[in-house]
C-alpha atoms as a PDB file:
ATOM      1  CA  MET A   1      95.770 121.338  82.193  1.00  0.00           C
ATOM      2  CA  THR A   2      96.071 125.092  82.691  1.00  0.00           C
ATOM      3  CA  SER A   3      98.766 126.429  84.990  1.00  0.00           C
ATOM      4  CA  ARG A   4      96.121 127.740  87.400  1.00  0.00           C
ATOM      5  CA  ASN A   5      94.537 124.327  87.805  1.00  0.00           C
ATOM      6  CA  LEU A   6      97.968 122.712  88.080  1.00  0.00           C
ATOM      7  CA  VAL A   7      98.803 125.017  90.989  1.00  0.00           C
ATOM      8  CA  ARG A   8      95.390 124.291  92.466  1.00  0.00           C
ATOM      9  CA  LEU A   9      96.061 120.539  92.272  1.00  0.00           C
ATOM     10  CA  PHE A  10      99.437 120.983  93.937  1.00  0.00           C
ATOM     11  CA  MET A  11      98.148 123.140  96.792  1.00  0.00           C
ATOM     12  CA  THR A  12      95.017 121.132  97.529  1.00  0.00           C
ATOM     13  CA  THR A  13      96.989 117.867  97.515  1.00  0.00           C
ATOM     14  CA  LEU A  14      99.380 119.414 100.027  1.00  0.00           C
ATOM     15  CA  GLY A  15      96.345 120.235 102.164  1.00  0.00           C
ATOM     16  CA  VAL A  16      95.028 116.677 101.915  1.00  0.00           C
ATOM     17  CA  GLY A  17      98.399 115.275 102.937  1.00  0.00           C
ATOM     18  CA  GLY A  18      98.824 117.656 105.853  1.00  0.00           C
ATOM     19  CA  LEU A  19      95.291 117.129 107.196  1.00  0.00           C
ATOM     20  CA  THR A  20      95.372 113.342 106.834  1.00  0.00           C
ATOM     21  CA  THR A  21      98.770 113.020 108.487  1.00  0.00           C
ATOM     22  CA  ALA A  22      97.725 115.275 111.372  1.00  0.00           C
ATOM     23  CA  ILE A  23      94.607 113.193 112.079  1.00  0.00           C
ATOM     24  CA  VAL A  24      96.275 109.803 111.662  1.00  0.00           C
ATOM     25  CA  GLY A  25      99.353 110.988 113.568  1.00  0.00           C
ATOM     26  CA  PHE A  26      97.402 111.770 116.717  1.00  0.00           C
ATOM     27  CA  ILE A  27      95.600 108.429 116.439  1.00  0.00           C
ATOM     28  CA  VAL A  28      98.600 106.138 115.893  1.00  0.00           C
ATOM     29  CA  ARG A  29     100.711 107.988 118.467  1.00  0.00           C
ATOM     30  CA  TRP A  30      97.936 108.525 120.993  1.00  0.00           C
ATOM     31  CA  ASN A  31      99.955 106.852 123.754  1.00  0.00           C
ATOM     32  CA  GLU A  32     102.498 109.666 123.444  1.00  0.00           C
ATOM     33  CA  MET A  33     100.015 112.448 122.788  1.00  0.00           C
ATOM     34  CA  GLN A  34      97.430 111.580 125.435  1.00  0.00           C
ATOM     35  CA  SER A  35      99.336 113.325 128.232  1.00  0.00           C
ATOM     36  CA  TYR A  36      99.402 116.559 126.217  1.00  0.00           C
ATOM     37  CA  PHE A  37      95.605 116.655 126.145  1.00  0.00           C
ATOM     38  CA  VAL A  38      95.112 115.436 129.703  1.00  0.00           C
ATOM     39  CA  GLU A  39      97.479 118.060 131.076  1.00  0.00           C
ATOM     40  CA  PHE A  40      96.274 120.606 128.519  1.00  0.00           C
ATOM     41  CA  LYS A  41      99.738 121.384 127.142  1.00  0.00           C
ATOM     42  CA  ILE A  42      98.747 123.708 124.298  1.00  0.00           C
ATOM     43  CA  GLY A  43     102.330 124.355 123.232  1.00  0.00           C
ATOM     44  CA  ASP A  44     103.146 120.659 122.917  1.00  0.00           C
ATOM     45  CA  ILE A  45      99.889 119.966 121.089  1.00  0.00           C
ATOM     46  CA  LEU A  46     100.569 122.738 118.572  1.00  0.00           C
ATOM     47  CA  SER A  47     104.167 121.608 118.122  1.00  0.00           C
ATOM     48  CA  ALA A  48     103.027 118.051 117.419  1.00  0.00           C
ATOM     49  CA  LEU A  49     100.313 119.304 115.068  1.00  0.00           C
ATOM     50  CA  ILE A  50     102.757 121.439 113.081  1.00  0.00           C
ATOM     51  CA  TRP A  51     105.223 118.563 112.887  1.00  0.00           C
ATOM     52  CA  PHE A  52     102.540 116.188 111.586  1.00  0.00           C
ATOM     53  CA  ILE A  53     101.387 118.739 109.007  1.00  0.00           C
ATOM     54  CA  VAL A  54     104.931 119.302 107.747  1.00  0.00           C
ATOM     55  CA  MET A  55     105.440 115.552 107.423  1.00  0.00           C
ATOM     56  CA  GLY A  56     102.119 115.409 105.594  1.00  0.00           C
ATOM     57  CA  PHE A  57     103.389 118.009 103.139  1.00  0.00           C
ATOM     58  CA  LEU A  58     106.445 115.813 102.545  1.00  0.00           C
ATOM     59  CA  PHE A  59     104.296 112.725 101.973  1.00  0.00           C
ATOM     60  CA  SER A  60     102.111 114.786  99.626  1.00  0.00           C
ATOM     61  CA  ALA A  61     105.138 115.885  97.592  1.00  0.00           C
ATOM     62  CA  ILE A  62     106.226 112.251  97.241  1.00  0.00           C
ATOM     63  CA  SER A  63     102.695 111.341  96.184  1.00  0.00           C
ATOM     64  CA  GLN A  64     102.593 114.052  93.534  1.00  0.00           C
ATOM     65  CA  MET A  65     105.939 113.003  92.067  1.00  0.00           C
ATOM     66  CA  GLY A  66     104.654 109.437  91.862  1.00  0.00           C
ATOM     67  CA  PHE A  67     101.417 110.583  90.238  1.00  0.00           C
ATOM     68  CA  PHE A  68     103.057 112.499  87.409  1.00  0.00           C
ATOM     69  CA  ALA A  69     105.622 109.723  86.959  1.00  0.00           C
ATOM     70  CA  TYR A  70     102.778 107.226  86.513  1.00  0.00           C
ATOM     71  CA  LEU A  71     101.031 109.435  83.950  1.00  0.00           C
ATOM     72  CA  THR A  72     104.238 109.325  81.900  1.00  0.00           C
ATOM     73  CA  ILE A  73     104.689 105.572  82.385  1.00  0.00           C
ATOM     74  CA  HIS A  74     101.068 104.964  81.400  1.00  0.00           C
ATOM     75  CA  ARG A  75     101.568 106.772  78.091  1.00  0.00           C
ATOM     76  CA  PHE A  76     104.768 104.841  77.453  1.00  0.00           C
ATOM     77  CA  GLY A  77     102.980 101.579  78.226  1.00  0.00           C
ATOM     78  CA  LEU A  78     100.194 102.306  75.770  1.00  0.00           C
ATOM     79  CA  GLY A  79     102.757 103.232  73.134  1.00  0.00           C
ATOM     80  CA  ILE A  80     104.904 100.145  73.666  1.00  0.00           C
ATOM     81  CA  PHE A  81     102.164  97.493  73.852  1.00  0.00           C
ATOM     82  CA  LYS A  82      99.924  99.129  71.225  1.00  0.00           C
ATOM     83  CA  SER A  83      96.867  97.642  72.934  1.00  0.00           C
ATOM     84  CA  VAL A  84      94.873  98.785  75.947  1.00  0.00           C
ATOM     85  CA  SER A  85      93.899  95.210  76.882  1.00  0.00           C
ATOM     86  CA  LEU A  86      97.509  93.970  76.710  1.00  0.00           C
ATOM     87  CA  TRP A  87      98.795  96.911  78.745  1.00  0.00           C
ATOM     88  CA  ASN A  88      96.041  96.315  81.316  1.00  0.00           C
ATOM     89  CA  ALA A  89      97.033  92.643  81.546  1.00  0.00           C
ATOM     90  CA  VAL A  90     100.631  93.645  82.245  1.00  0.00           C
ATOM     91  CA  GLN A  91      99.443  96.027  84.943  1.00  0.00           C
ATOM     92  CA  VAL A  92      97.363  93.301  86.608  1.00  0.00           C
ATOM     93  CA  VAL A  93     100.425  91.030  86.793  1.00  0.00           C
ATOM     94  CA  VAL A  94     102.486  93.837  88.341  1.00  0.00           C
ATOM     95  CA  ILE A  95      99.691  94.538  90.847  1.00  0.00           C
ATOM     96  CA  LEU A  96      99.724  90.901  91.992  1.00  0.00           C
ATOM     97  CA  PHE A  97     103.506  90.923  92.348  1.00  0.00           C
ATOM     98  CA  ALA A  98     103.387  94.165  94.338  1.00  0.00           C
ATOM     99  CA  LEU A  99     100.820  92.776  96.790  1.00  0.00           C
ATOM    100  CA  PHE A 100     102.731  89.503  97.122  1.00  0.00           C
ATOM    101  CA  ASP A 101     106.002  91.316  97.808  1.00  0.00           C
ATOM    102  CA  LEU A 102     104.334  93.647 100.277  1.00  0.00           C
ATOM    103  CA  VAL A 103     103.331  90.644 102.373  1.00  0.00           C
ATOM    104  CA  TYR A 104     106.032  88.050 101.769  1.00  0.00           C
ATOM    105  CA  LEU A 105     109.154  90.236 101.716  1.00  0.00           C
ATOM    106  CA  ARG A 106     108.143  92.062 104.887  1.00  0.00           C
ATOM    107  CA  TYR A 107     107.454  88.718 106.553  1.00  0.00           C
ATOM    108  CA  GLU A 108     110.829  87.322 105.486  1.00  0.00           C
ATOM    109  CA  ASN A 109     112.736  90.392 106.681  1.00  0.00           C
ATOM    110  CA  PHE A 110     110.877  91.431 109.820  1.00  0.00           C
ATOM    111  CA  ALA A 111     108.944  88.474 111.235  1.00  0.00           C
ATOM    112  CA  ASN A 112     109.891  87.386 114.744  1.00  0.00           C
ATOM    113  CA  THR A 113     110.431  83.758 115.582  1.00  0.00           C
ATOM    114  CA  GLY A 114     107.095  81.970 115.528  1.00  0.00           C
ATOM    115  CA  GLN A 115     105.197  85.038 114.296  1.00  0.00           C
ATOM    116  CA  SER A 116     102.338  84.300 111.920  1.00  0.00           C
ATOM    117  CA  ILE A 117     102.347  85.710 108.394  1.00  0.00           C
ATOM    118  CA  PHE A 118      98.718  86.779 108.727  1.00  0.00           C
ATOM    119  CA  SER A 119      99.570  89.971 110.615  1.00  0.00           C
ATOM    120  CA  PHE A 120     101.572  91.088 107.568  1.00  0.00           C
ATOM    121  CA  PHE A 121      98.427  90.877 105.442  1.00  0.00           C
ATOM    122  CA  ILE A 122      96.809  93.849 107.226  1.00  0.00           C
ATOM    123  CA  PRO A 123      98.577  96.715 105.361  1.00  0.00           C
ATOM    124  CA  ALA A 124      98.165  94.881 102.042  1.00  0.00           C
ATOM    125  CA  LEU A 125      94.446  94.322 102.628  1.00  0.00           C
ATOM    126  CA  ILE A 126      93.911  97.966 103.599  1.00  0.00           C
ATOM    127  CA  LEU A 127      95.741  99.109 100.484  1.00  0.00           C
ATOM    128  CA  LEU A 128      93.834  96.651  98.282  1.00  0.00           C
ATOM    129  CA  ALA A 129      90.454  97.735  99.687  1.00  0.00           C
ATOM    130  CA  ALA A 130      91.275 101.421  99.225  1.00  0.00           C
ATOM    131  CA  GLY A 131      92.597 100.763  95.727  1.00  0.00           C
ATOM    132  CA  VAL A 132      89.527  98.817  94.597  1.00  0.00           C
ATOM    133  CA  ALA A 133      87.151 101.421  96.054  1.00  0.00           C
ATOM    134  CA  CYS A 134      88.995 104.300  94.428  1.00  0.00           C
ATOM    135  CA  ALA A 135      89.342 102.518  91.068  1.00  0.00           C
ATOM    136  CA  TRP A 136      85.658 101.596  91.071  1.00  0.00           C
ATOM    137  CA  TYR A 137      84.653 105.193  91.776  1.00  0.00           C
ATOM    138  CA  LYS A 138      87.025 106.441  89.078  1.00  0.00           C
ATOM    139  CA  MET A 139      85.465 103.988  86.624  1.00  0.00           C
ATOM    140  CA  LYS A 140      81.984 105.246  87.490  1.00  0.00           C
ATOM    141  CA  GLN A 141      83.075 108.834  86.936  1.00  0.00           C
ATOM    142  CA  THR A 142      84.799 108.156  83.609  1.00  0.00           C
ATOM    143  CA  ASN A 143      84.740 104.790  81.799  1.00  0.00           C
ATOM    144  CA  LYS A 144      85.391 101.064  82.282  1.00  0.00           C
ATOM    145  CA  GLN A 145      88.914 101.290  80.851  1.00  0.00           C
ATOM    146  CA  ALA A 146      89.961 103.461  83.795  1.00  0.00           C
ATOM    147  CA  PHE A 147      89.599 100.707  86.426  1.00  0.00           C
ATOM    148  CA  ILE A 148      92.867  98.803  85.908  1.00  0.00           C
ATOM    149  CA  PRO A 149      95.104 101.887  85.500  1.00  0.00           C
ATOM    150  CA  ALA A 150      93.520 103.437  88.605  1.00  0.00           C
ATOM    151  CA  LEU A 151      94.002 100.217  90.580  1.00  0.00           C
ATOM    152  CA  PHE A 152      97.608  99.979  89.395  1.00  0.00           C
ATOM    153  CA  PHE A 153      98.317 103.525  90.498  1.00  0.00           C
ATOM    154  CA  MET A 154      96.657 103.095  93.879  1.00  0.00           C
ATOM    155  CA  ILE A 155      98.519  99.866  94.668  1.00  0.00           C
ATOM    156  CA  VAL A 156     101.815  99.671  92.785  1.00  0.00           C
ATOM    157  CA  VAL A 157     102.733 103.352  92.814  1.00  0.00           C
ATOM    158  CA  THR A 158     101.705 103.677  96.463  1.00  0.00           C
ATOM    159  CA  VAL A 159     103.949 100.735  97.389  1.00  0.00           C
ATOM    160  CA  VAL A 160     106.881 102.290  95.511  1.00  0.00           C
ATOM    161  CA  GLU A 161     106.340 105.628  97.278  1.00  0.00           C
ATOM    162  CA  TRP A 162     106.035 103.748 100.567  1.00  0.00           C
ATOM    163  CA  VAL A 163     109.376 101.907 100.276  1.00  0.00           C
ATOM    164  CA  PRO A 164     111.476 104.178 102.567  1.00  0.00           C
ATOM    165  CA  VAL A 165     109.153 103.479 105.505  1.00  0.00           C
ATOM    166  CA  LEU A 166     108.612  99.825 104.601  1.00  0.00           C
ATOM    167  CA  ARG A 167     112.348  99.279 105.051  1.00  0.00           C
ATOM    168  CA  THR A 168     112.244 100.559 108.635  1.00  0.00           C
ATOM    169  CA  ASN A 169     109.194  98.484 109.660  1.00  0.00           C
ATOM    170  CA  SER A 170     108.161 101.084 112.240  1.00  0.00           C
ATOM    171  CA  LYS A 171     104.465 100.509 112.910  1.00  0.00           C
ATOM    172  CA  ASN A 172     103.692 104.188 113.580  1.00  0.00           C
ATOM    173  CA  TRP A 173     105.501 105.404 110.473  1.00  0.00           C
ATOM    174  CA  LEU A 174     104.084 102.528 108.439  1.00  0.00           C
ATOM    175  CA  PHE A 175     100.466 103.555 108.976  1.00  0.00           C
ATOM    176  CA  LEU A 176     101.205 107.273 109.111  1.00  0.00           C
ATOM    177  CA  MET A 177     102.675 107.312 105.626  1.00  0.00           C
ATOM    178  CA  MET A 178     100.291 104.694 104.230  1.00  0.00           C
ATOM    179  CA  PHE A 179      97.111 106.637 104.967  1.00  0.00           C
ATOM    180  CA  ALA A 180      98.674 109.912 103.808  1.00  0.00           C
ATOM    181  CA  LEU A 181      99.730 108.367 100.495  1.00  0.00           C
ATOM    182  CA  ILE A 182      96.369 106.670  99.989  1.00  0.00           C
ATOM    183  CA  ALA A 183      94.514 109.937 100.640  1.00  0.00           C
ATOM    184  CA  CYS A 184      96.764 112.023  98.374  1.00  0.00           C
ATOM    185  CA  ASN A 185      96.852 109.457  95.570  1.00  0.00           C
ATOM    186  CA  ALA A 186      93.089 108.933  95.670  1.00  0.00           C
ATOM    187  CA  TYR A 187      92.450 112.677  95.656  1.00  0.00           C
ATOM    188  CA  GLN A 188      94.705 113.291  92.656  1.00  0.00           C
ATOM    189  CA  LEU A 189      93.275 110.353  90.747  1.00  0.00           C
ATOM    190  CA  LEU A 190      89.645 111.338  91.303  1.00  0.00           C
ATOM    191  CA  ILE A 191      90.045 115.052  90.619  1.00  0.00           C
ATOM    192  CA  LEU A 192      92.303 114.837  87.556  1.00  0.00           C
ATOM    193  CA  HIS A 193      89.582 114.455  84.928  1.00  0.00           C
ATOM    194  CA  LYS A 194      87.562 117.242  86.541  1.00  0.00           C
ATOM    195  CA  LEU A 195      90.490 119.633  86.365  1.00  0.00           C
ATOM    196  CA  ASN A 196      91.191 118.603  82.771  1.00  0.00           C
ATOM    197  CA  THR A 197      87.565 119.297  81.847  1.00  0.00           C
ATOM    198  CA  GLN A 198      87.641 122.631  83.630  1.00  0.00           C
ATOM    199  CA  SER A 199      90.927 123.553  81.955  1.00  0.00           C
ATOM    200  CA  GLU A 200      89.504 122.761  78.529  1.00  0.00           C
ATOM    201  CA  LYS A 201      86.431 124.859  79.303  1.00  0.00           C
ATOM    202  CA  GLU A 202      88.553 127.796  80.449  1.00  0.00           C
ATOM    203  CA  ARG A 203      90.770 127.492  77.373  1.00  0.00           C
ATOM    204  CA  GLN A 204      87.724 127.513  75.079  1.00  0.00           C
ATOM    205  CA  GLU A 205      86.239 130.514  76.873  1.00  0.00           C
ATOM    206  CA  ARG A 206      89.517 132.371  76.434  1.00  0.00           C
ATOM    207  CA  ILE A 207      89.506 131.569  72.709  1.00  0.00           C
ATOM    208  CA  ASN A 208      85.916 132.802  72.393  1.00  0.00           C
ATOM    209  CA  ARG A 209      86.692 136.029  74.244  1.00  0.00           C
ATOM    210  CA  ASN A 210      89.658 136.712  72.014  1.00  0.00           C
ATOM    211  CA  ALA A 211      87.599 135.964  68.913  1.00  0.00           C
ATOM    212  CA  ASN A 212      84.771 138.296  69.998  1.00  0.00           C
ATOM    213  CA  ALA A 213      87.022 141.095  71.190  1.00  0.00           C
ATOM    214  CA  PRO A 214      86.872 144.192  68.961  1.00  0.00           C
ATOM    215  CA  LYS A 215      89.939 144.581  66.832  1.00  0.00           C
ATOM    216  CA  LYS A 216      91.979 147.687  67.369  1.00  0.00           C
ATOM    217  CA  MET A 217      92.120 149.965  64.342  1.00  0.00           C
ATOM    218  CA  THR A 218      95.582 151.145  63.501  1.00  0.00           C
ATOM    219  CA  LYS A 219      95.829 154.623  62.008  1.00  0.00           C
ATOM    220  CA  LYS A 220      97.721 154.729  58.772  1.00  0.00           C
ATOM    221  CA  PRO A 221     100.585 157.170  58.665  1.00  0.00           C
ATOM    222  CA  SER A 222      99.824 160.355  56.767  1.00  0.00           C
ATOM    223  CA  VAL A 223     103.113 160.238  54.952  1.00  0.00           C
END
């Protein structure tokens, strides 16, 4: 990927994180924010908006670190297992463990007396649905082999990035960070091959321009 497209990926992902967090933030914290709109407190609304956007930038940065870490891990996995099918099978097992832990460990640590485990399925089901949809779309854009790696990234890597908030079990923070990570991870995953194609095209055009450029004639010294 060219440096220009790498910067473009970074900046646009920041925008996705900031916008998503701002929208979701006002929704999940509407009980707190409602009075600002009713009483038309522009200053408080702008302050809240800026705070949500900054937090979205932070979530986006975490997402981008996870994305490039997974690209490295994916290459290592292919090199270690020497087989795409075997590496995909390993990823499927890890996906199942991640979903199980997301439900069971949170239930064990945070469930109140008599509380049903089914309420702890909601974040996992949202993440699974988003992961399957994104992986399916990625597969349609590229090839069938992309489905499992895309699903692994959308589920396992998102859960790993999500850990700091999962430990607090704050409902507002839980959904605020979840939707921001899902949006940023999905965006990066779906645009990566397009940026790679564009980078290759730009690189080839640069080579062609250099090849067709007239060569400068150097004057030989008279002595």
